[in-house]
Amino acid sequence: MPTSAFSVLCTAATQIEAEMILSMLRAEGLHPMELGTNAYGPAGGGSQFYSIRVPTTELATAQELMKTGE
């Protein structure tokens, strides 16, 4: 069964920020991965961040959208 490779587009500091980015990507017809969290910081402690992942084939388009959305 073929699987699609995903690449990290960016990280968001809050879940709200991450959901806004995902919504923008979906509205543009892209297919970001569902939201997940990653522990960041010493020994897995510290803050949380949210990785925004898109199919590698959509990465360049998603990067351009992020530039225009700033």
PDB file of N, CA and C in Angstrom:
ATOM      1  N   MET A   1       0.848  -1.171   0.000  1.00  0.00           N
ATOM      2  CA  MET A   1       0.000   0.000   0.000  1.00  0.00           C
ATOM      3  C   MET A   1       0.899   1.241   0.000  1.00  0.00           C
ATOM      4  N   PRO A   2       0.734   2.175  -0.951  1.00  0.00           N
ATOM      5  CA  PRO A   2       1.568   3.367  -0.975  1.00  0.00           C
ATOM      6  C   PRO A   2       1.201   4.310   0.169  1.00  0.00           C
ATOM      7  N   THR A   3       2.208   4.963   0.702  1.00  0.00           N
ATOM      8  CA  THR A   3       1.971   5.953   1.742  1.00  0.00           C
ATOM      9  C   THR A   3       2.542   7.283   1.280  1.00  0.00           C
ATOM     10  N   SER A   4       1.955   8.340   1.724  1.00  0.00           N
ATOM     11  CA  SER A   4       2.402   9.673   1.371  1.00  0.00           C
ATOM     12  C   SER A   4       3.400  10.159   2.413  1.00  0.00           C
ATOM     13  N   ALA A   5       4.493  10.726   1.951  1.00  0.00           N
ATOM     14  CA  ALA A   5       5.472  11.295   2.872  1.00  0.00           C
ATOM     15  C   ALA A   5       5.011  12.699   3.271  1.00  0.00           C
ATOM     16  N   PHE A   6       5.194  13.035   4.526  1.00  0.00           N
ATOM     17  CA  PHE A   6       4.831  14.351   5.031  1.00  0.00           C
ATOM     18  C   PHE A   6       6.083  15.093   5.475  1.00  0.00           C
ATOM     19  N   SER A   7       6.034  16.408   5.352  1.00  0.00           N
ATOM     20  CA  SER A   7       7.121  17.280   5.795  1.00  0.00           C
ATOM     21  C   SER A   7       6.555  18.308   6.756  1.00  0.00           C
ATOM     22  N   VAL A   8       7.391  18.750   7.701  1.00  0.00           N
ATOM     23  CA  VAL A   8       6.973  19.786   8.647  1.00  0.00           C
ATOM     24  C   VAL A   8       7.038  21.135   7.939  1.00  0.00           C
ATOM     25  N   LEU A   9       5.914  21.800   7.894  1.00  0.00           N
ATOM     26  CA  LEU A   9       5.828  23.138   7.310  1.00  0.00           C
ATOM     27  C   LEU A   9       6.292  24.180   8.318  1.00  0.00           C
ATOM     28  N   CYS A  10       5.781  24.075   9.535  1.00  0.00           N
ATOM     29  CA  CYS A  10       6.108  25.036  10.585  1.00  0.00           C
ATOM     30  C   CYS A  10       5.649  24.462  11.916  1.00  0.00           C
ATOM     31  N   THR A  11       5.892  25.198  12.975  1.00  0.00           N
ATOM     32  CA  THR A  11       5.367  24.826  14.283  1.00  0.00           C
ATOM     33  C   THR A  11       4.576  26.008  14.829  1.00  0.00           C
ATOM     34  N   ALA A  12       3.594  25.699  15.632  1.00  0.00           N
ATOM     35  CA  ALA A  12       2.758  26.722  16.258  1.00  0.00           C
ATOM     36  C   ALA A  12       2.902  26.609  17.769  1.00  0.00           C
ATOM     37  N   ALA A  13       2.851  27.742  18.432  1.00  0.00           N
ATOM     38  CA  ALA A  13       3.023  27.769  19.879  1.00  0.00           C
ATOM     39  C   ALA A  13       1.763  27.363  20.636  1.00  0.00           C
ATOM     40  N   THR A  14       0.601  27.558  20.008  1.00  0.00           N
ATOM     41  CA  THR A  14      -0.656  27.233  20.680  1.00  0.00           C
ATOM     42  C   THR A  14      -1.535  26.401  19.757  1.00  0.00           C
ATOM     43  N   GLN A  15      -2.488  25.721  20.332  1.00  0.00           N
ATOM     44  CA  GLN A  15      -3.412  24.925  19.538  1.00  0.00           C
ATOM     45  C   GLN A  15      -4.281  25.825  18.658  1.00  0.00           C
ATOM     46  N   ILE A  16      -4.662  26.969  19.162  1.00  0.00           N
ATOM     47  CA  ILE A  16      -5.486  27.897  18.382  1.00  0.00           C
ATOM     48  C   ILE A  16      -4.731  28.355  17.138  1.00  0.00           C
ATOM     49  N   GLU A  17      -3.471  28.729  17.301  1.00  0.00           N
ATOM     50  CA  GLU A  17      -2.654  29.140  16.165  1.00  0.00           C
ATOM     51  C   GLU A  17      -2.537  27.995  15.154  1.00  0.00           C
ATOM     52  N   ALA A  18      -2.305  26.790  15.641  1.00  0.00           N
ATOM     53  CA  ALA A  18      -2.171  25.627  14.765  1.00  0.00           C
ATOM     54  C   ALA A  18      -3.467  25.375  13.992  1.00  0.00           C
ATOM     55  N   GLU A  19      -4.607  25.459  14.664  1.00  0.00           N
ATOM     56  CA  GLU A  19      -5.891  25.229  14.003  1.00  0.00           C
ATOM     57  C   GLU A  19      -6.157  26.287  12.936  1.00  0.00           C
ATOM     58  N   MET A  20      -5.738  27.518  13.184  1.00  0.00           N
ATOM     59  CA  MET A  20      -5.914  28.581  12.191  1.00  0.00           C
ATOM     60  C   MET A  20      -5.082  28.291  10.942  1.00  0.00           C
ATOM     61  N   ILE A  21      -3.856  27.843  11.136  1.00  0.00           N
ATOM     62  CA  ILE A  21      -2.991  27.502   9.999  1.00  0.00           C
ATOM     63  C   ILE A  21      -3.583  26.331   9.221  1.00  0.00           C
ATOM     64  N   LEU A  22      -4.017  25.296   9.931  1.00  0.00           N
ATOM     65  CA  LEU A  22      -4.625  24.142   9.263  1.00  0.00           C
ATOM     66  C   LEU A  22      -5.852  24.551   8.462  1.00  0.00           C
ATOM     67  N   SER A  23      -6.688  25.411   9.022  1.00  0.00           N
ATOM     68  CA  SER A  23      -7.884  25.872   8.320  1.00  0.00           C
ATOM     69  C   SER A  23      -7.518  26.622   7.047  1.00  0.00           C
ATOM     70  N   MET A  24      -6.511  27.475   7.112  1.00  0.00           N
ATOM     71  CA  MET A  24      -6.074  28.230   5.949  1.00  0.00           C
ATOM     72  C   MET A  24      -5.564  27.287   4.861  1.00  0.00           C
ATOM     73  N   LEU A  25      -4.776  26.289   5.250  1.00  0.00           N
ATOM     74  CA  LEU A  25      -4.244  25.332   4.280  1.00  0.00           C
ATOM     75  C   LEU A  25      -5.365  24.534   3.625  1.00  0.00           C
ATOM     76  N   ARG A  26      -6.315  24.084   4.426  1.00  0.00           N
ATOM     77  CA  ARG A  26      -7.443  23.318   3.878  1.00  0.00           C
ATOM     78  C   ARG A  26      -8.302  24.171   2.947  1.00  0.00           C
ATOM     79  N   ALA A  27      -8.500  25.439   3.303  1.00  0.00           N
ATOM     80  CA  ALA A  27      -9.293  26.333   2.464  1.00  0.00           C
ATOM     81  C   ALA A  27      -8.646  26.530   1.094  1.00  0.00           C
ATOM     82  N   GLU A  28      -7.332  26.365   1.033  1.00  0.00           N
ATOM     83  CA  GLU A  28      -6.599  26.497  -0.225  1.00  0.00           C
ATOM     84  C   GLU A  28      -6.471  25.167  -0.961  1.00  0.00           C
ATOM     85  N   GLY A  29      -7.145  24.140  -0.446  1.00  0.00           N
ATOM     86  CA  GLY A  29      -7.160  22.849  -1.129  1.00  0.00           C
ATOM     87  C   GLY A  29      -6.005  21.923  -0.789  1.00  0.00           C
ATOM     88  N   LEU A  30      -5.238  22.263   0.252  1.00  0.00           N
ATOM     89  CA  LEU A  30      -4.135  21.396   0.667  1.00  0.00           C
ATOM     90  C   LEU A  30      -4.629  20.369   1.677  1.00  0.00           C
ATOM     91  N   HIS A  31      -3.790  19.418   1.986  1.00  0.00           N
ATOM     92  CA  HIS A  31      -4.189  18.280   2.819  1.00  0.00           C
ATOM     93  C   HIS A  31      -3.243  18.089   4.012  1.00  0.00           C
ATOM     94  N   PRO A  32      -3.245  19.029   4.966  1.00  0.00           N
ATOM     95  CA  PRO A  32      -2.364  18.888   6.124  1.00  0.00           C
ATOM     96  C   PRO A  32      -2.768  17.697   6.992  1.00  0.00           C
ATOM     97  N   MET A  33      -1.785  17.166   7.701  1.00  0.00           N
ATOM     98  CA  MET A  33      -2.023  16.060   8.627  1.00  0.00           C
ATOM     99  C   MET A  33      -2.795  16.587   9.826  1.00  0.00           C
ATOM    100  N   GLU A  34      -3.593  15.730  10.426  1.00  0.00           N
ATOM    101  CA  GLU A  34      -4.320  16.112  11.634  1.00  0.00           C
ATOM    102  C   GLU A  34      -3.325  16.584  12.696  1.00  0.00           C
ATOM    103  N   LEU A  35      -3.783  17.442  13.560  1.00  0.00           N
ATOM    104  CA  LEU A  35      -2.949  18.078  14.563  1.00  0.00           C
ATOM    105  C   LEU A  35      -2.433  17.082  15.598  1.00  0.00           C
ATOM    106  N   GLY A  36      -1.161  17.194  15.944  1.00  0.00           N
ATOM    107  CA  GLY A  36      -0.543  16.419  17.008  1.00  0.00           C
ATOM    108  C   GLY A  36       0.398  17.321  17.774  1.00  0.00           C
ATOM    109  N   THR A  37       0.792  16.920  18.964  1.00  0.00           N
ATOM    110  CA  THR A  37       1.724  17.738  19.735  1.00  0.00           C
ATOM    111  C   THR A  37       3.054  17.012  19.858  1.00  0.00           C
ATOM    112  N   ASN A  38       4.083  17.769  20.071  1.00  0.00           N
ATOM    113  CA  ASN A  38       5.422  17.232  20.320  1.00  0.00           C
ATOM    114  C   ASN A  38       5.974  17.926  21.549  1.00  0.00           C
ATOM    115  N   ALA A  39       6.532  17.161  22.447  1.00  0.00           N
ATOM    116  CA  ALA A  39       7.177  17.774  23.608  1.00  0.00           C
ATOM    117  C   ALA A  39       8.472  18.414  23.147  1.00  0.00           C
ATOM    118  N   TYR A  40       8.762  19.578  23.655  1.00  0.00           N
ATOM    119  CA  TYR A  40       9.988  20.279  23.308  1.00  0.00           C
ATOM    120  C   TYR A  40      10.580  20.824  24.596  1.00  0.00           C
ATOM    121  N   GLY A  41      11.825  20.634  24.763  1.00  0.00           N
ATOM    122  CA  GLY A  41      12.471  21.162  25.945  1.00  0.00           C
ATOM    123  C   GLY A  41      13.361  20.111  26.568  1.00  0.00           C
ATOM    124  N   PRO A  42      14.022  20.459  27.641  1.00  0.00           N
ATOM    125  CA  PRO A  42      14.947  19.536  28.277  1.00  0.00           C
ATOM    126  C   PRO A  42      14.250  18.262  28.735  1.00  0.00           C
ATOM    127  N   ALA A  43      14.778  17.146  28.342  1.00  0.00           N
ATOM    128  CA  ALA A  43      14.282  15.827  28.752  1.00  0.00           C
ATOM    129  C   ALA A  43      12.783  15.673  28.530  1.00  0.00           C
ATOM    130  N   GLY A  44      12.275  16.300  27.474  1.00  0.00           N
ATOM    131  CA  GLY A  44      10.853  16.172  27.172  1.00  0.00           C
ATOM    132  C   GLY A  44       9.973  17.071  28.012  1.00  0.00           C
ATOM    133  N   GLY A  45      10.551  17.819  28.934  1.00  0.00           N
ATOM    134  CA  GLY A  45       9.754  18.752  29.731  1.00  0.00           C
ATOM    135  C   GLY A  45       9.604  20.051  28.969  1.00  0.00           C
ATOM    136  N   GLY A  46       9.306  21.099  29.622  1.00  0.00           N
ATOM    137  CA  GLY A  46       9.216  22.390  28.949  1.00  0.00           C
ATOM    138  C   GLY A  46       7.904  22.567  28.216  1.00  0.00           C
ATOM    139  N   SER A  47       7.933  23.398  27.191  1.00  0.00           N
ATOM    140  CA  SER A  47       6.718  23.777  26.489  1.00  0.00           C
ATOM    141  C   SER A  47       6.254  22.720  25.499  1.00  0.00           C
ATOM    142  N   GLN A  48       5.074  22.919  25.013  1.00  0.00           N
ATOM    143  CA  GLN A  48       4.517  22.106  23.937  1.00  0.00           C
ATOM    144  C   GLN A  48       4.517  22.954  22.683  1.00  0.00           C
ATOM    145  N   PHE A  49       4.679  22.316  21.555  1.00  0.00           N
ATOM    146  CA  PHE A  49       4.458  23.006  20.301  1.00  0.00           C
ATOM    147  C   PHE A  49       3.702  22.068  19.386  1.00  0.00           C
ATOM    148  N   TYR A  50       3.107  22.611  18.364  1.00  0.00           N
ATOM    149  CA  TYR A  50       2.271  21.857  17.444  1.00  0.00           C
ATOM    150  C   TYR A  50       2.908  21.879  16.066  1.00  0.00           C
ATOM    151  N   SER A  51       3.270  20.711  15.552  1.00  0.00           N
ATOM    152  CA  SER A  51       3.878  20.611  14.235  1.00  0.00           C
ATOM    153  C   SER A  51       2.788  20.587  13.171  1.00  0.00           C
ATOM    154  N   ILE A  52       2.953  21.436  12.177  1.00  0.00           N
ATOM    155  CA  ILE A  52       2.043  21.463  11.041  1.00  0.00           C
ATOM    156  C   ILE A  52       2.739  20.704   9.915  1.00  0.00           C
ATOM    157  N   ARG A  53       2.156  19.581   9.528  1.00  0.00           N
ATOM    158  CA  ARG A  53       2.749  18.737   8.489  1.00  0.00           C
ATOM    159  C   ARG A  53       1.829  18.699   7.273  1.00  0.00           C
ATOM    160  N   VAL A  54       2.476  18.751   6.102  1.00  0.00           N
ATOM    161  CA  VAL A  54       1.748  18.652   4.834  1.00  0.00           C
ATOM    162  C   VAL A  54       2.426  17.595   3.984  1.00  0.00           C
ATOM    163  N   PRO A  55       1.691  17.032   3.009  1.00  0.00           N
ATOM    164  CA  PRO A  55       2.351  16.098   2.102  1.00  0.00           C
ATOM    165  C   PRO A  55       3.553  16.791   1.450  1.00  0.00           C
ATOM    166  N   THR A  56       4.636  16.083   1.325  1.00  0.00           N
ATOM    167  CA  THR A  56       5.854  16.660   0.764  1.00  0.00           C
ATOM    168  C   THR A  56       5.594  17.271  -0.609  1.00  0.00           C
ATOM    169  N   THR A  57       4.696  16.680  -1.364  1.00  0.00           N
ATOM    170  CA  THR A  57       4.375  17.205  -2.695  1.00  0.00           C
ATOM    171  C   THR A  57       3.659  18.560  -2.629  1.00  0.00           C
ATOM    172  N   GLU A  58       3.104  18.915  -1.465  1.00  0.00           N
ATOM    173  CA  GLU A  58       2.415  20.193  -1.291  1.00  0.00           C
ATOM    174  C   GLU A  58       3.245  21.212  -0.509  1.00  0.00           C
ATOM    175  N   LEU A  59       4.444  20.840  -0.104  1.00  0.00           N
ATOM    176  CA  LEU A  59       5.247  21.689   0.774  1.00  0.00           C
ATOM    177  C   LEU A  59       5.542  23.055   0.163  1.00  0.00           C
ATOM    178  N   ALA A  60       5.995  23.110  -1.085  1.00  0.00           N
ATOM    179  CA  ALA A  60       6.343  24.398  -1.708  1.00  0.00           C
ATOM    180  C   ALA A  60       5.129  25.327  -1.769  1.00  0.00           C
ATOM    181  N   THR A  61       3.982  24.790  -2.129  1.00  0.00           N
ATOM    182  CA  THR A  61       2.757  25.584  -2.191  1.00  0.00           C
ATOM    183  C   THR A  61       2.388  26.102  -0.801  1.00  0.00           C
ATOM    184  N   ALA A  62       2.484  25.231   0.194  1.00  0.00           N
ATOM    185  CA  ALA A  62       2.150  25.618   1.570  1.00  0.00           C
ATOM    186  C   ALA A  62       3.105  26.695   2.082  1.00  0.00           C
ATOM    187  N   GLN A  63       4.378  26.606   1.732  1.00  0.00           N
ATOM    188  CA  GLN A  63       5.349  27.611   2.146  1.00  0.00           C
ATOM    189  C   GLN A  63       5.013  28.967   1.537  1.00  0.00           C
ATOM    190  N   GLU A  64       4.617  28.973   0.282  1.00  0.00           N
ATOM    191  CA  GLU A  64       4.214  30.233  -0.365  1.00  0.00           C
ATOM    192  C   GLU A  64       2.986  30.828   0.302  1.00  0.00           C
ATOM    193  N   LEU A  65       2.028  29.972   0.650  1.00  0.00           N
ATOM    194  CA  LEU A  65       0.825  30.471   1.346  1.00  0.00           C
ATOM    195  C   LEU A  65       1.179  31.065   2.697  1.00  0.00           C
ATOM    196  N   MET A  66       2.121  30.453   3.394  1.00  0.00           N
ATOM    197  CA  MET A  66       2.531  30.976   4.698  1.00  0.00           C
ATOM    198  C   MET A  66       3.188  32.346   4.545  1.00  0.00           C
ATOM    199  N   LYS A  67       3.958  32.545   3.484  1.00  0.00           N
ATOM    200  CA  LYS A  67       4.602  33.844   3.248  1.00  0.00           C
ATOM    201  C   LYS A  67       3.560  34.930   2.974  1.00  0.00           C
ATOM    202  N   THR A  68       2.556  34.622   2.176  1.00  0.00           N
ATOM    203  CA  THR A  68       1.546  35.620   1.839  1.00  0.00           C
ATOM    204  C   THR A  68       0.582  35.857   2.975  1.00  0.00           C
ATOM    205  N   GLY A  69       0.466  34.902   3.889  1.00  0.00           N
ATOM    206  CA  GLY A  69      -0.445  35.043   5.020  1.00  0.00           C
ATOM    207  C   GLY A  69       0.139  35.804   6.190  1.00  0.00           C
ATOM    208  N   GLU A  70       1.405  36.161   6.119  1.00  0.00           N
ATOM    209  CA  GLU A  70       2.041  36.845   7.263  1.00  0.00           C
ATOM    210  C   GLU A  70       1.681  38.298   7.328  1.00  0.00           C
TER     211      GLU A  70
END
